[in-house]
Amino acid sequence: MSTPAFTILVVEDDDIVRMLIVDVLEELEFKVLEADGGEQALEVLQDPDKTIDLMMTDVGLPDMDGRELATAARKLRPALPILFASGYAESIDVPAGMQVIGKPFSIDQLRDKVTGMLAS
């Protein structure tokens, strides 16, 4: 009997980048939900029937940036682990329970970061 897959919400406004991240996570046997920005992500987060174990969001989103999204997400789901993806990873301060992965990242880096966050 296999363990139930963790569900990750991927928020990325670039369709190609989002597709690549989703493909990698699905290959690693995660269940993946997608959003192309903050508004769409919040709609998913507001659905009480959806289990979300981790949210991975781009920092540079249009309309609402990743940090604003994280703040809103934590109001809806206070314990939600959040992973920021950024091309400027070393310059970002993140609140507790949130981590950053620098773009570009390898499949191994993404897997290690996600599994580490889900394990803690």
PDB file of N, CA and C in Angstrom:
ATOM      1  N   MET A   1       0.842  -1.185   0.000  1.00  0.00           N
ATOM      2  CA  MET A   1       0.000   0.000   0.000  1.00  0.00           C
ATOM      3  C   MET A   1       0.887   1.249   0.000  1.00  0.00           C
ATOM      4  N   SER A   2       0.683   2.137  -0.917  1.00  0.00           N
ATOM      5  CA  SER A   2       1.531   3.327  -0.973  1.00  0.00           C
ATOM      6  C   SER A   2       0.972   4.416  -0.061  1.00  0.00           C
ATOM      7  N   THR A   3       1.852   5.295   0.361  1.00  0.00           N
ATOM      8  CA  THR A   3       1.424   6.387   1.224  1.00  0.00           C
ATOM      9  C   THR A   3       0.718   7.427   0.366  1.00  0.00           C
ATOM     10  N   PRO A   4      -0.250   8.139   0.946  1.00  0.00           N
ATOM     11  CA  PRO A   4      -0.930   9.162   0.140  1.00  0.00           C
ATOM     12  C   PRO A   4       0.058  10.259  -0.251  1.00  0.00           C
ATOM     13  N   ALA A   5      -0.070  10.725  -1.473  1.00  0.00           N
ATOM     14  CA  ALA A   5       0.844  11.749  -1.967  1.00  0.00           C
ATOM     15  C   ALA A   5       0.551  13.090  -1.293  1.00  0.00           C
ATOM     16  N   PHE A   6       1.594  13.829  -1.070  1.00  0.00           N
ATOM     17  CA  PHE A   6       1.431  15.194  -0.584  1.00  0.00           C
ATOM     18  C   PHE A   6       0.929  16.042  -1.746  1.00  0.00           C
ATOM     19  N   THR A   7       0.149  17.086  -1.425  1.00  0.00           N
ATOM     20  CA  THR A   7      -0.363  17.984  -2.456  1.00  0.00           C
ATOM     21  C   THR A   7       0.349  19.324  -2.352  1.00  0.00           C
ATOM     22  N   ILE A   8       0.860  19.770  -3.486  1.00  0.00           N
ATOM     23  CA  ILE A   8       1.592  21.034  -3.551  1.00  0.00           C
ATOM     24  C   ILE A   8       0.861  21.982  -4.488  1.00  0.00           C
ATOM     25  N   LEU A   9       0.633  23.200  -4.009  1.00  0.00           N
ATOM     26  CA  LEU A   9       0.041  24.250  -4.843  1.00  0.00           C
ATOM     27  C   LEU A   9       1.184  25.064  -5.438  1.00  0.00           C
ATOM     28  N   VAL A  10       1.277  25.069  -6.766  1.00  0.00           N
ATOM     29  CA  VAL A  10       2.337  25.804  -7.464  1.00  0.00           C
ATOM     30  C   VAL A  10       1.744  27.091  -8.031  1.00  0.00           C
ATOM     31  N   VAL A  11       2.318  28.218  -7.623  1.00  0.00           N
ATOM     32  CA  VAL A  11       1.840  29.530  -8.091  1.00  0.00           C
ATOM     33  C   VAL A  11       2.958  30.187  -8.894  1.00  0.00           C
ATOM     34  N   GLU A  12       2.733  30.313 -10.194  1.00  0.00           N
ATOM     35  CA  GLU A  12       3.753  30.852 -11.100  1.00  0.00           C
ATOM     36  C   GLU A  12       3.038  31.463 -12.289  1.00  0.00           C
ATOM     37  N   ASP A  13       3.348  32.727 -12.607  1.00  0.00           N
ATOM     38  CA  ASP A  13       2.640  33.397 -13.698  1.00  0.00           C
ATOM     39  C   ASP A  13       3.193  33.048 -15.077  1.00  0.00           C
ATOM     40  N   ASP A  14       4.406  32.512 -15.134  1.00  0.00           N
ATOM     41  CA  ASP A  14       4.983  32.109 -16.418  1.00  0.00           C
ATOM     42  C   ASP A  14       4.537  30.675 -16.725  1.00  0.00           C
ATOM     43  N   ASP A  15       3.714  30.521 -17.777  1.00  0.00           N
ATOM     44  CA  ASP A  15       3.131  29.213 -18.091  1.00  0.00           C
ATOM     45  C   ASP A  15       4.179  28.117 -18.277  1.00  0.00           C
ATOM     46  N   ILE A  16       5.268  28.442 -18.976  1.00  0.00           N
ATOM     47  CA  ILE A  16       6.288  27.433 -19.259  1.00  0.00           C
ATOM     48  C   ILE A  16       7.008  27.020 -17.980  1.00  0.00           C
ATOM     49  N   VAL A  17       7.380  27.981 -17.167  1.00  0.00           N
ATOM     50  CA  VAL A  17       8.053  27.681 -15.901  1.00  0.00           C
ATOM     51  C   VAL A  17       7.130  26.857 -15.005  1.00  0.00           C
ATOM     52  N   ARG A  18       5.860  27.270 -14.932  1.00  0.00           N
ATOM     53  CA  ARG A  18       4.892  26.534 -14.103  1.00  0.00           C
ATOM     54  C   ARG A  18       4.761  25.092 -14.594  1.00  0.00           C
ATOM     55  N   MET A  19       4.663  24.923 -15.911  1.00  0.00           N
ATOM     56  CA  MET A  19       4.534  23.577 -16.476  1.00  0.00           C
ATOM     57  C   MET A  19       5.746  22.708 -16.121  1.00  0.00           C
ATOM     58  N   LEU A  20       6.928  23.277 -16.201  1.00  0.00           N
ATOM     59  CA  LEU A  20       8.151  22.523 -15.871  1.00  0.00           C
ATOM     60  C   LEU A  20       8.167  22.113 -14.405  1.00  0.00           C
ATOM     61  N   ILE A  21       7.819  23.046 -13.511  1.00  0.00           N
ATOM     62  CA  ILE A  21       7.798  22.739 -12.076  1.00  0.00           C
ATOM     63  C   ILE A  21       6.761  21.650 -11.786  1.00  0.00           C
ATOM     64  N   VAL A  22       5.581  21.785 -12.380  1.00  0.00           N
ATOM     65  CA  VAL A  22       4.517  20.797 -12.184  1.00  0.00           C
ATOM     66  C   VAL A  22       4.972  19.424 -12.673  1.00  0.00           C
ATOM     67  N   ASP A  23       5.592  19.381 -13.858  1.00  0.00           N
ATOM     68  CA  ASP A  23       6.083  18.103 -14.395  1.00  0.00           C
ATOM     69  C   ASP A  23       7.070  17.442 -13.445  1.00  0.00           C
ATOM     70  N   VAL A  24       8.009  18.227 -12.936  1.00  0.00           N
ATOM     71  CA  VAL A  24       9.018  17.689 -12.021  1.00  0.00           C
ATOM     72  C   VAL A  24       8.359  17.161 -10.748  1.00  0.00           C
ATOM     73  N   LEU A  25       7.469  17.946 -10.160  1.00  0.00           N
ATOM     74  CA  LEU A  25       6.818  17.523  -8.916  1.00  0.00           C
ATOM     75  C   LEU A  25       5.959  16.275  -9.129  1.00  0.00           C
ATOM     76  N   GLU A  26       5.277  16.213 -10.279  1.00  0.00           N
ATOM     77  CA  GLU A  26       4.457  15.027 -10.556  1.00  0.00           C
ATOM     78  C   GLU A  26       5.343  13.804 -10.766  1.00  0.00           C
ATOM     79  N   GLU A  27       6.502  14.006 -11.395  1.00  0.00           N
ATOM     80  CA  GLU A  27       7.455  12.918 -11.584  1.00  0.00           C
ATOM     81  C   GLU A  27       7.952  12.405 -10.223  1.00  0.00           C
ATOM     82  N   LEU A  28       8.036  13.305  -9.261  1.00  0.00           N
ATOM     83  CA  LEU A  28       8.453  12.940  -7.902  1.00  0.00           C
ATOM     84  C   LEU A  28       7.267  12.399  -7.085  1.00  0.00           C
ATOM     85  N   GLU A  29       6.139  12.201  -7.774  1.00  0.00           N
ATOM     86  CA  GLU A  29       4.929  11.602  -7.211  1.00  0.00           C
ATOM     87  C   GLU A  29       4.176  12.475  -6.211  1.00  0.00           C
ATOM     88  N   PHE A  30       4.272  13.781  -6.412  1.00  0.00           N
ATOM     89  CA  PHE A  30       3.439  14.691  -5.629  1.00  0.00           C
ATOM     90  C   PHE A  30       2.176  14.950  -6.438  1.00  0.00           C
ATOM     91  N   LYS A  31       1.092  15.251  -5.728  1.00  0.00           N
ATOM     92  CA  LYS A  31      -0.131  15.703  -6.392  1.00  0.00           C
ATOM     93  C   LYS A  31       0.038  17.224  -6.510  1.00  0.00           C
ATOM     94  N   VAL A  32      -0.280  17.792  -7.654  1.00  0.00           N
ATOM     95  CA  VAL A  32      -0.012  19.213  -7.870  1.00  0.00           C
ATOM     96  C   VAL A  32      -1.274  19.968  -8.287  1.00  0.00           C
ATOM     97  N   LEU A  33      -1.489  21.114  -7.637  1.00  0.00           N
ATOM     98  CA  LEU A  33      -2.537  22.052  -8.029  1.00  0.00           C
ATOM     99  C   LEU A  33      -1.798  23.260  -8.588  1.00  0.00           C
ATOM    100  N   GLU A  34      -2.404  23.922  -9.567  1.00  0.00           N
ATOM    101  CA  GLU A  34      -1.731  25.050 -10.214  1.00  0.00           C
ATOM    102  C   GLU A  34      -2.544  26.334 -10.112  1.00  0.00           C
ATOM    103  N   ALA A  35      -1.817  27.447 -10.029  1.00  0.00           N
ATOM    104  CA  ALA A  35      -2.445  28.766 -10.091  1.00  0.00           C
ATOM    105  C   ALA A  35      -1.494  29.682 -10.852  1.00  0.00           C
ATOM    106  N   ASP A  36      -2.060  30.593 -11.659  1.00  0.00           N
ATOM    107  CA  ASP A  36      -1.206  31.491 -12.439  1.00  0.00           C
ATOM    108  C   ASP A  36      -0.979  32.830 -11.751  1.00  0.00           C
ATOM    109  N   GLY A  37      -1.468  32.965 -10.519  1.00  0.00           N
ATOM    110  CA  GLY A  37      -1.255  34.207  -9.778  1.00  0.00           C
ATOM    111  C   GLY A  37      -1.922  34.135  -8.422  1.00  0.00           C
ATOM    112  N   GLY A  38      -1.796  35.219  -7.671  1.00  0.00           N
ATOM    113  CA  GLY A  38      -2.305  35.272  -6.311  1.00  0.00           C
ATOM    114  C   GLY A  38      -3.801  35.062  -6.173  1.00  0.00           C
ATOM    115  N   GLU A  39      -4.574  35.705  -7.034  1.00  0.00           N
ATOM    116  CA  GLU A  39      -6.034  35.583  -6.927  1.00  0.00           C
ATOM    117  C   GLU A  39      -6.476  34.138  -7.095  1.00  0.00           C
ATOM    118  N   GLN A  40      -5.945  33.488  -8.131  1.00  0.00           N
ATOM    119  CA  GLN A  40      -6.298  32.097  -8.404  1.00  0.00           C
ATOM    120  C   GLN A  40      -5.836  31.200  -7.249  1.00  0.00           C
ATOM    121  N   ALA A  41      -4.659  31.468  -6.714  1.00  0.00           N
ATOM    122  CA  ALA A  41      -4.134  30.676  -5.597  1.00  0.00           C
ATOM    123  C   ALA A  41      -5.043  30.793  -4.373  1.00  0.00           C
ATOM    124  N   LEU A  42      -5.503  32.009  -4.094  1.00  0.00           N
ATOM    125  CA  LEU A  42      -6.368  32.211  -2.924  1.00  0.00           C
ATOM    126  C   LEU A  42      -7.706  31.495  -3.092  1.00  0.00           C
ATOM    127  N   GLU A  43      -8.209  31.436  -4.328  1.00  0.00           N
ATOM    128  CA  GLU A  43      -9.448  30.689  -4.569  1.00  0.00           C
ATOM    129  C   GLU A  43      -9.253  29.220  -4.206  1.00  0.00           C
ATOM    130  N   VAL A  44      -8.117  28.656  -4.601  1.00  0.00           N
ATOM    131  CA  VAL A  44      -7.814  27.258  -4.290  1.00  0.00           C
ATOM    132  C   VAL A  44      -7.678  27.081  -2.770  1.00  0.00           C
ATOM    133  N   LEU A  45      -6.952  28.008  -2.131  1.00  0.00           N
ATOM    134  CA  LEU A  45      -6.726  27.920  -0.682  1.00  0.00           C
ATOM    135  C   LEU A  45      -8.015  28.073   0.124  1.00  0.00           C
ATOM    136  N   GLN A  46      -8.992  28.786  -0.427  1.00  0.00           N
ATOM    137  CA  GLN A  46     -10.259  29.000   0.287  1.00  0.00           C
ATOM    138  C   GLN A  46     -11.174  27.786   0.222  1.00  0.00           C
ATOM    139  N   ASP A  47     -10.845  26.813  -0.639  1.00  0.00           N
ATOM    140  CA  ASP A  47     -11.686  25.629  -0.777  1.00  0.00           C
ATOM    141  C   ASP A  47     -11.355  24.640   0.343  1.00  0.00           C
ATOM    142  N   PRO A  48     -12.273  24.479   1.307  1.00  0.00           N
ATOM    143  CA  PRO A  48     -11.982  23.615   2.453  1.00  0.00           C
ATOM    144  C   PRO A  48     -11.842  22.136   2.081  1.00  0.00           C
ATOM    145  N   ASP A  49     -12.323  21.763   0.894  1.00  0.00           N
ATOM    146  CA  ASP A  49     -12.229  20.367   0.467  1.00  0.00           C
ATOM    147  C   ASP A  49     -10.869  20.022  -0.135  1.00  0.00           C
ATOM    148  N   LYS A  50     -10.053  21.042  -0.373  1.00  0.00           N
ATOM    149  CA  LYS A  50      -8.744  20.795  -0.970  1.00  0.00           C
ATOM    150  C   LYS A  50      -7.672  20.694   0.118  1.00  0.00           C
ATOM    151  N   THR A  51      -6.960  19.578   0.106  1.00  0.00           N
ATOM    152  CA  THR A  51      -5.831  19.412   1.015  1.00  0.00           C
ATOM    153  C   THR A  51      -4.609  20.003   0.324  1.00  0.00           C
ATOM    154  N   ILE A  52      -3.905  20.883   1.012  1.00  0.00           N
ATOM    155  CA  ILE A  52      -2.674  21.457   0.455  1.00  0.00           C
ATOM    156  C   ILE A  52      -1.605  21.337   1.539  1.00  0.00           C
ATOM    157  N   ASP A  53      -0.532  20.614   1.210  1.00  0.00           N
ATOM    158  CA  ASP A  53       0.517  20.366   2.194  1.00  0.00           C
ATOM    159  C   ASP A  53       1.638  21.394   2.110  1.00  0.00           C
ATOM    160  N   LEU A  54       1.745  22.062   0.949  1.00  0.00           N
ATOM    161  CA  LEU A  54       2.815  23.037   0.757  1.00  0.00           C
ATOM    162  C   LEU A  54       2.424  23.939  -0.406  1.00  0.00           C
ATOM    163  N   MET A  55       2.757  25.217  -0.293  1.00  0.00           N
ATOM    164  CA  MET A  55       2.549  26.132  -1.423  1.00  0.00           C
ATOM    165  C   MET A  55       3.914  26.597  -1.898  1.00  0.00           C
ATOM    166  N   MET A  56       4.145  26.445  -3.200  1.00  0.00           N
ATOM    167  CA  MET A  56       5.374  26.953  -3.809  1.00  0.00           C
ATOM    168  C   MET A  56       4.971  28.119  -4.682  1.00  0.00           C
ATOM    169  N   THR A  57       5.521  29.281  -4.403  1.00  0.00           N
ATOM    170  CA  THR A  57       5.137  30.462  -5.170  1.00  0.00           C
ATOM    171  C   THR A  57       6.339  31.246  -5.663  1.00  0.00           C
ATOM    172  N   ASP A  58       6.188  31.799  -6.848  1.00  0.00           N
ATOM    173  CA  ASP A  58       7.180  32.718  -7.377  1.00  0.00           C
ATOM    174  C   ASP A  58       7.082  33.989  -6.528  1.00  0.00           C
ATOM    175  N   VAL A  59       8.194  34.661  -6.309  1.00  0.00           N
ATOM    176  CA  VAL A  59       8.153  35.914  -5.557  1.00  0.00           C
ATOM    177  C   VAL A  59       7.603  37.028  -6.443  1.00  0.00           C
ATOM    178  N   GLY A  60       8.045  37.064  -7.694  1.00  0.00           N
ATOM    179  CA  GLY A  60       7.657  38.149  -8.592  1.00  0.00           C
ATOM    180  C   GLY A  60       6.398  37.874  -9.377  1.00  0.00           C
ATOM    181  N   LEU A  61       5.266  37.924  -8.705  1.00  0.00           N
ATOM    182  CA  LEU A  61       3.991  37.733  -9.393  1.00  0.00           C
ATOM    183  C   LEU A  61       3.382  39.089  -9.703  1.00  0.00           C
ATOM    184  N   PRO A  62       2.605  39.178 -10.802  1.00  0.00           N
ATOM    185  CA  PRO A  62       1.915  40.448 -11.063  1.00  0.00           C
ATOM    186  C   PRO A  62       0.766  40.624 -10.066  1.00  0.00           C
ATOM    187  N   ASP A  63       0.268  41.824  -9.919  1.00  0.00           N
ATOM    188  CA  ASP A  63      -0.853  42.149  -9.027  1.00  0.00           C
ATOM    189  C   ASP A  63      -0.514  41.986  -7.544  1.00  0.00           C
ATOM    190  N   MET A  64      -0.264  40.765  -7.111  1.00  0.00           N
ATOM    191  CA  MET A  64       0.029  40.488  -5.699  1.00  0.00           C
ATOM    192  C   MET A  64       1.330  39.701  -5.693  1.00  0.00           C
ATOM    193  N   ASP A  65       2.379  40.205  -5.041  1.00  0.00           N
ATOM    194  CA  ASP A  65       3.638  39.460  -5.089  1.00  0.00           C
ATOM    195  C   ASP A  65       3.588  38.247  -4.152  1.00  0.00           C
ATOM    196  N   GLY A  66       4.598  37.422  -4.251  1.00  0.00           N
ATOM    197  CA  GLY A  66       4.620  36.179  -3.494  1.00  0.00           C
ATOM    198  C   GLY A  66       4.493  36.366  -1.999  1.00  0.00           C
ATOM    199  N   ARG A  67       5.120  37.442  -1.489  1.00  0.00           N
ATOM    200  CA  ARG A  67       5.041  37.700  -0.042  1.00  0.00           C
ATOM    201  C   ARG A  67       3.636  38.083   0.395  1.00  0.00           C
ATOM    202  N   GLU A  68       2.986  38.921  -0.404  1.00  0.00           N
ATOM    203  CA  GLU A  68       1.599  39.309  -0.095  1.00  0.00           C
ATOM    204  C   GLU A  68       0.698  38.076  -0.155  1.00  0.00           C
ATOM    205  N   LEU A  69       0.947  37.219  -1.143  1.00  0.00           N
ATOM    206  CA  LEU A  69       0.186  35.982  -1.262  1.00  0.00           C
ATOM    207  C   LEU A  69       0.419  35.102  -0.034  1.00  0.00           C
ATOM    208  N   ALA A  70       1.662  34.993   0.399  1.00  0.00           N
ATOM    209  CA  ALA A  70       1.984  34.163   1.566  1.00  0.00           C
ATOM    210  C   ALA A  70       1.259  34.668   2.816  1.00  0.00           C
ATOM    211  N   THR A  71       1.224  35.987   2.992  1.00  0.00           N
ATOM    212  CA  THR A  71       0.530  36.581   4.139  1.00  0.00           C
ATOM    213  C   THR A  71      -0.952  36.230   4.099  1.00  0.00           C
ATOM    214  N   ALA A  72      -1.565  36.377   2.923  1.00  0.00           N
ATOM    215  CA  ALA A  72      -2.986  36.056   2.769  1.00  0.00           C
ATOM    216  C   ALA A  72      -3.231  34.554   2.949  1.00  0.00           C
ATOM    217  N   ALA A  73      -2.318  33.747   2.426  1.00  0.00           N
ATOM    218  CA  ALA A  73      -2.449  32.286   2.526  1.00  0.00           C
ATOM    219  C   ALA A  73      -2.403  31.842   3.984  1.00  0.00           C
ATOM    220  N   ARG A  74      -1.508  32.458   4.755  1.00  0.00           N
ATOM    221  CA  ARG A  74      -1.375  32.088   6.167  1.00  0.00           C
ATOM    222  C   ARG A  74      -2.597  32.500   6.989  1.00  0.00           C
ATOM    223  N   LYS A  75      -3.334  33.504   6.529  1.00  0.00           N
ATOM    224  CA  LYS A  75      -4.579  33.861   7.220  1.00  0.00           C
ATOM    225  C   LYS A  75      -5.609  32.755   7.023  1.00  0.00           C
ATOM    226  N   LEU A  76      -5.587  32.140   5.841  1.00  0.00           N
ATOM    227  CA  LEU A  76      -6.528  31.064   5.532  1.00  0.00           C
ATOM    228  C   LEU A  76      -6.073  29.727   6.108  1.00  0.00           C
ATOM    229  N   ARG A  77      -4.773  29.494   6.032  1.00  0.00           N
ATOM    230  CA  ARG A  77      -4.192  28.219   6.492  1.00  0.00           C
ATOM    231  C   ARG A  77      -2.922  28.531   7.276  1.00  0.00           C
ATOM    232  N   PRO A  78      -3.075  28.796   8.581  1.00  0.00           N
ATOM    233  CA  PRO A  78      -1.964  29.290   9.399  1.00  0.00           C
ATOM    234  C   PRO A  78      -0.713  28.402   9.434  1.00  0.00           C
ATOM    235  N   ALA A  79      -0.862  27.105   9.266  1.00  0.00           N
ATOM    236  CA  ALA A  79       0.304  26.217   9.375  1.00  0.00           C
ATOM    237  C   ALA A  79       0.917  25.851   8.023  1.00  0.00           C
ATOM    238  N   LEU A  80       0.410  26.448   6.943  1.00  0.00           N
ATOM    239  CA  LEU A  80       0.865  26.064   5.601  1.00  0.00           C
ATOM    240  C   LEU A  80       2.342  26.372   5.373  1.00  0.00           C
ATOM    241  N   PRO A  81       3.156  25.349   5.051  1.00  0.00           N
ATOM    242  CA  PRO A  81       4.550  25.623   4.688  1.00  0.00           C
ATOM    243  C   PRO A  81       4.578  26.309   3.315  1.00  0.00           C
ATOM    244  N   ILE A  82       5.438  27.305   3.182  1.00  0.00           N
ATOM    245  CA  ILE A  82       5.505  28.064   1.933  1.00  0.00           C
ATOM    246  C   ILE A  82       6.941  28.112   1.430  1.00  0.00           C
ATOM    247  N   LEU A  83       7.100  27.779   0.152  1.00  0.00           N
ATOM    248  CA  LEU A  83       8.407  27.806  -0.492  1.00  0.00           C
ATOM    249  C   LEU A  83       8.376  28.885  -1.570  1.00  0.00           C
ATOM    250  N   PHE A  84       9.265  29.854  -1.434  1.00  0.00           N
ATOM    251  CA  PHE A  84       9.373  30.915  -2.440  1.00  0.00           C
ATOM    252  C   PHE A  84      10.418  30.510  -3.470  1.00  0.00           C
ATOM    253  N   ALA A  85      10.129  30.751  -4.744  1.00  0.00           N
ATOM    254  CA  ALA A  85      11.119  30.557  -5.801  1.00  0.00           C
ATOM    255  C   ALA A  85      11.511  31.943  -6.282  1.00  0.00           C
ATOM    256  N   SER A  86      12.815  32.195  -6.343  1.00  0.00           N
ATOM    257  CA  SER A  86      13.257  33.532  -6.730  1.00  0.00           C
ATOM    258  C   SER A  86      14.622  33.495  -7.389  1.00  0.00           C
ATOM    259  N   GLY A  87      14.790  34.366  -8.350  1.00  0.00           N
ATOM    260  CA  GLY A  87      16.094  34.535  -8.963  1.00  0.00           C
ATOM    261  C   GLY A  87      17.037  35.321  -8.059  1.00  0.00           C
ATOM    262  N   TYR A  88      16.494  35.851  -6.957  1.00  0.00           N
ATOM    263  CA  TYR A  88      17.296  36.653  -6.032  1.00  0.00           C
ATOM    264  C   TYR A  88      17.203  36.055  -4.637  1.00  0.00           C
ATOM    265  N   ALA A  89      17.336  34.746  -4.546  1.00  0.00           N
ATOM    266  CA  ALA A  89      17.084  34.015  -3.301  1.00  0.00           C
ATOM    267  C   ALA A  89      17.869  34.537  -2.111  1.00  0.00           C
ATOM    268  N   GLU A  90      19.130  34.891  -2.346  1.00  0.00           N
ATOM    269  CA  GLU A  90      19.962  35.277  -1.203  1.00  0.00           C
ATOM    270  C   GLU A  90      19.573  36.622  -0.602  1.00  0.00           C
ATOM    271  N   SER A  91      18.767  37.391  -1.310  1.00  0.00           N
ATOM    272  CA  SER A  91      18.412  38.715  -0.791  1.00  0.00           C
ATOM    273  C   SER A  91      17.028  38.759  -0.157  1.00  0.00           C
ATOM    274  N   ILE A  92      16.425  37.585   0.065  1.00  0.00           N
ATOM    275  CA  ILE A  92      15.058  37.556   0.581  1.00  0.00           C
ATOM    276  C   ILE A  92      15.020  37.114   2.038  1.00  0.00           C
ATOM    277  N   ASP A  93      14.343  37.888   2.866  1.00  0.00           N
ATOM    278  CA  ASP A  93      14.089  37.475   4.244  1.00  0.00           C
ATOM    279  C   ASP A  93      12.710  36.850   4.262  1.00  0.00           C
ATOM    280  N   VAL A  94      12.607  35.673   4.854  1.00  0.00           N
ATOM    281  CA  VAL A  94      11.299  35.034   4.899  1.00  0.00           C
ATOM    282  C   VAL A  94      10.898  34.718   6.335  1.00  0.00           C
ATOM    283  N   PRO A  95       9.596  34.802   6.624  1.00  0.00           N
ATOM    284  CA  PRO A  95       9.093  34.490   7.956  1.00  0.00           C
ATOM    285  C   PRO A  95       9.269  33.008   8.305  1.00  0.00           C
ATOM    286  N   ALA A  96       9.060  32.685   9.548  1.00  0.00           N
ATOM    287  CA  ALA A  96       9.163  31.305  10.025  1.00  0.00           C
ATOM    288  C   ALA A  96       8.241  30.384   9.243  1.00  0.00           C
ATOM    289  N   GLY A  97       8.698  29.176   8.990  1.00  0.00           N
ATOM    290  CA  GLY A  97       7.888  28.204   8.270  1.00  0.00           C
ATOM    291  C   GLY A  97       7.904  28.409   6.768  1.00  0.00           C
ATOM    292  N   MET A  98       8.717  29.357   6.321  1.00  0.00           N
ATOM    293  CA  MET A  98       8.817  29.624   4.889  1.00  0.00           C
ATOM    294  C   MET A  98      10.289  29.518   4.490  1.00  0.00           C
ATOM    295  N   GLN A  99      10.522  29.025   3.285  1.00  0.00           N
ATOM    296  CA  GLN A  99      11.885  28.888   2.792  1.00  0.00           C
ATOM    297  C   GLN A  99      11.963  29.413   1.371  1.00  0.00           C
ATOM    298  N   VAL A 100      13.201  29.530   0.872  1.00  0.00           N
ATOM    299  CA  VAL A 100      13.424  30.063  -0.474  1.00  0.00           C
ATOM    300  C   VAL A 100      14.280  29.083  -1.256  1.00  0.00           C
ATOM    301  N   ILE A 101      13.954  28.910  -2.524  1.00  0.00           N
ATOM    302  CA  ILE A 101      14.819  28.166  -3.428  1.00  0.00           C
ATOM    303  C   ILE A 101      15.183  29.120  -4.557  1.00  0.00           C
ATOM    304  N   GLY A 102      16.463  29.176  -4.894  1.00  0.00           N
ATOM    305  CA  GLY A 102      16.926  30.097  -5.930  1.00  0.00           C
ATOM    306  C   GLY A 102      16.693  29.548  -7.322  1.00  0.00           C
ATOM    307  N   LYS A 103      16.243  30.421  -8.221  1.00  0.00           N
ATOM    308  CA  LYS A 103      16.089  30.039  -9.630  1.00  0.00           C
ATOM    309  C   LYS A 103      17.385  30.378 -10.352  1.00  0.00           C
ATOM    310  N   PRO A 104      17.826  29.589 -11.294  1.00  0.00           N
ATOM    311  CA  PRO A 104      17.256  28.287 -11.650  1.00  0.00           C
ATOM    312  C   PRO A 104      17.676  27.234 -10.620  1.00  0.00           C
ATOM    313  N   PHE A 105      16.830  26.233 -10.429  1.00  0.00           N
ATOM    314  CA  PHE A 105      17.162  25.160  -9.496  1.00  0.00           C
ATOM    315  C   PHE A 105      17.098  23.828 -10.234  1.00  0.00           C
ATOM    316  N   SER A 106      17.817  22.844  -9.708  1.00  0.00           N
ATOM    317  CA  SER A 106      17.806  21.520 -10.334  1.00  0.00           C
ATOM    318  C   SER A 106      16.644  20.702  -9.779  1.00  0.00           C
ATOM    319  N   ILE A 107      16.349  19.609 -10.447  1.00  0.00           N
ATOM    320  CA  ILE A 107      15.303  18.693  -9.977  1.00  0.00           C
ATOM    321  C   ILE A 107      15.662  18.208  -8.575  1.00  0.00           C
ATOM    322  N   ASP A 108      16.941  17.859  -8.372  1.00  0.00           N
ATOM    323  CA  ASP A 108      17.374  17.371  -7.058  1.00  0.00           C
ATOM    324  C   ASP A 108      17.209  18.427  -5.974  1.00  0.00           C
ATOM    325  N   GLN A 109      17.558  19.672  -6.292  1.00  0.00           N
ATOM    326  CA  GLN A 109      17.401  20.752  -5.304  1.00  0.00           C
ATOM    327  C   GLN A 109      15.942  20.932  -4.935  1.00  0.00           C
ATOM    328  N   LEU A 110      15.067  20.897  -5.932  1.00  0.00           N
ATOM    329  CA  LEU A 110      13.636  21.062  -5.688  1.00  0.00           C
ATOM    330  C   LEU A 110      13.121  19.899  -4.835  1.00  0.00           C
ATOM    331  N   ARG A 111      13.478  18.684  -5.202  1.00  0.00           N
ATOM    332  CA  ARG A 111      13.036  17.506  -4.446  1.00  0.00           C
ATOM    333  C   ARG A 111      13.504  17.600  -2.995  1.00  0.00           C
ATOM    334  N   ASP A 112      14.792  17.917  -2.796  1.00  0.00           N
ATOM    335  CA  ASP A 112      15.341  17.968  -1.436  1.00  0.00           C
ATOM    336  C   ASP A 112      14.674  19.052  -0.604  1.00  0.00           C
ATOM    337  N   LYS A 113      14.443  20.205  -1.205  1.00  0.00           N
ATOM    338  CA  LYS A 113      13.823  21.321  -0.489  1.00  0.00           C
ATOM    339  C   LYS A 113      12.393  20.972  -0.096  1.00  0.00           C
ATOM    340  N   VAL A 114      11.618  20.455  -1.050  1.00  0.00           N
ATOM    341  CA  VAL A 114      10.219  20.124  -0.799  1.00  0.00           C
ATOM    342  C   VAL A 114      10.085  18.995   0.225  1.00  0.00           C
ATOM    343  N   THR A 115      10.860  17.913   0.039  1.00  0.00           N
ATOM    344  CA  THR A 115      10.734  16.787   0.977  1.00  0.00           C
ATOM    345  C   THR A 115      11.196  17.200   2.368  1.00  0.00           C
ATOM    346  N   GLY A 116      12.224  18.049   2.431  1.00  0.00           N
ATOM    347  CA  GLY A 116      12.696  18.543   3.734  1.00  0.00           C
ATOM    348  C   GLY A 116      11.639  19.358   4.443  1.00  0.00           C
ATOM    349  N   MET A 117      10.958  20.211   3.706  1.00  0.00           N
ATOM    350  CA  MET A 117       9.922  21.048   4.298  1.00  0.00           C
ATOM    351  C   MET A 117       8.725  20.210   4.743  1.00  0.00           C
ATOM    352  N   LEU A 118       8.364  19.196   3.942  1.00  0.00           N
ATOM    353  CA  LEU A 118       7.215  18.363   4.289  1.00  0.00           C
ATOM    354  C   LEU A 118       7.520  17.442   5.467  1.00  0.00           C
ATOM    355  N   ALA A 119       8.793  17.120   5.657  1.00  0.00           N
ATOM    356  CA  ALA A 119       9.188  16.214   6.743  1.00  0.00           C
ATOM    357  C   ALA A 119       9.206  16.911   8.107  1.00  0.00           C
ATOM    358  N   SER A 120       9.396  18.245   8.070  1.00  0.00           N
ATOM    359  CA  SER A 120       9.533  18.939   9.367  1.00  0.00           C
ATOM    360  C   SER A 120       8.205  19.299   9.988  1.00  0.00           C
TER     361      SER A 120
END
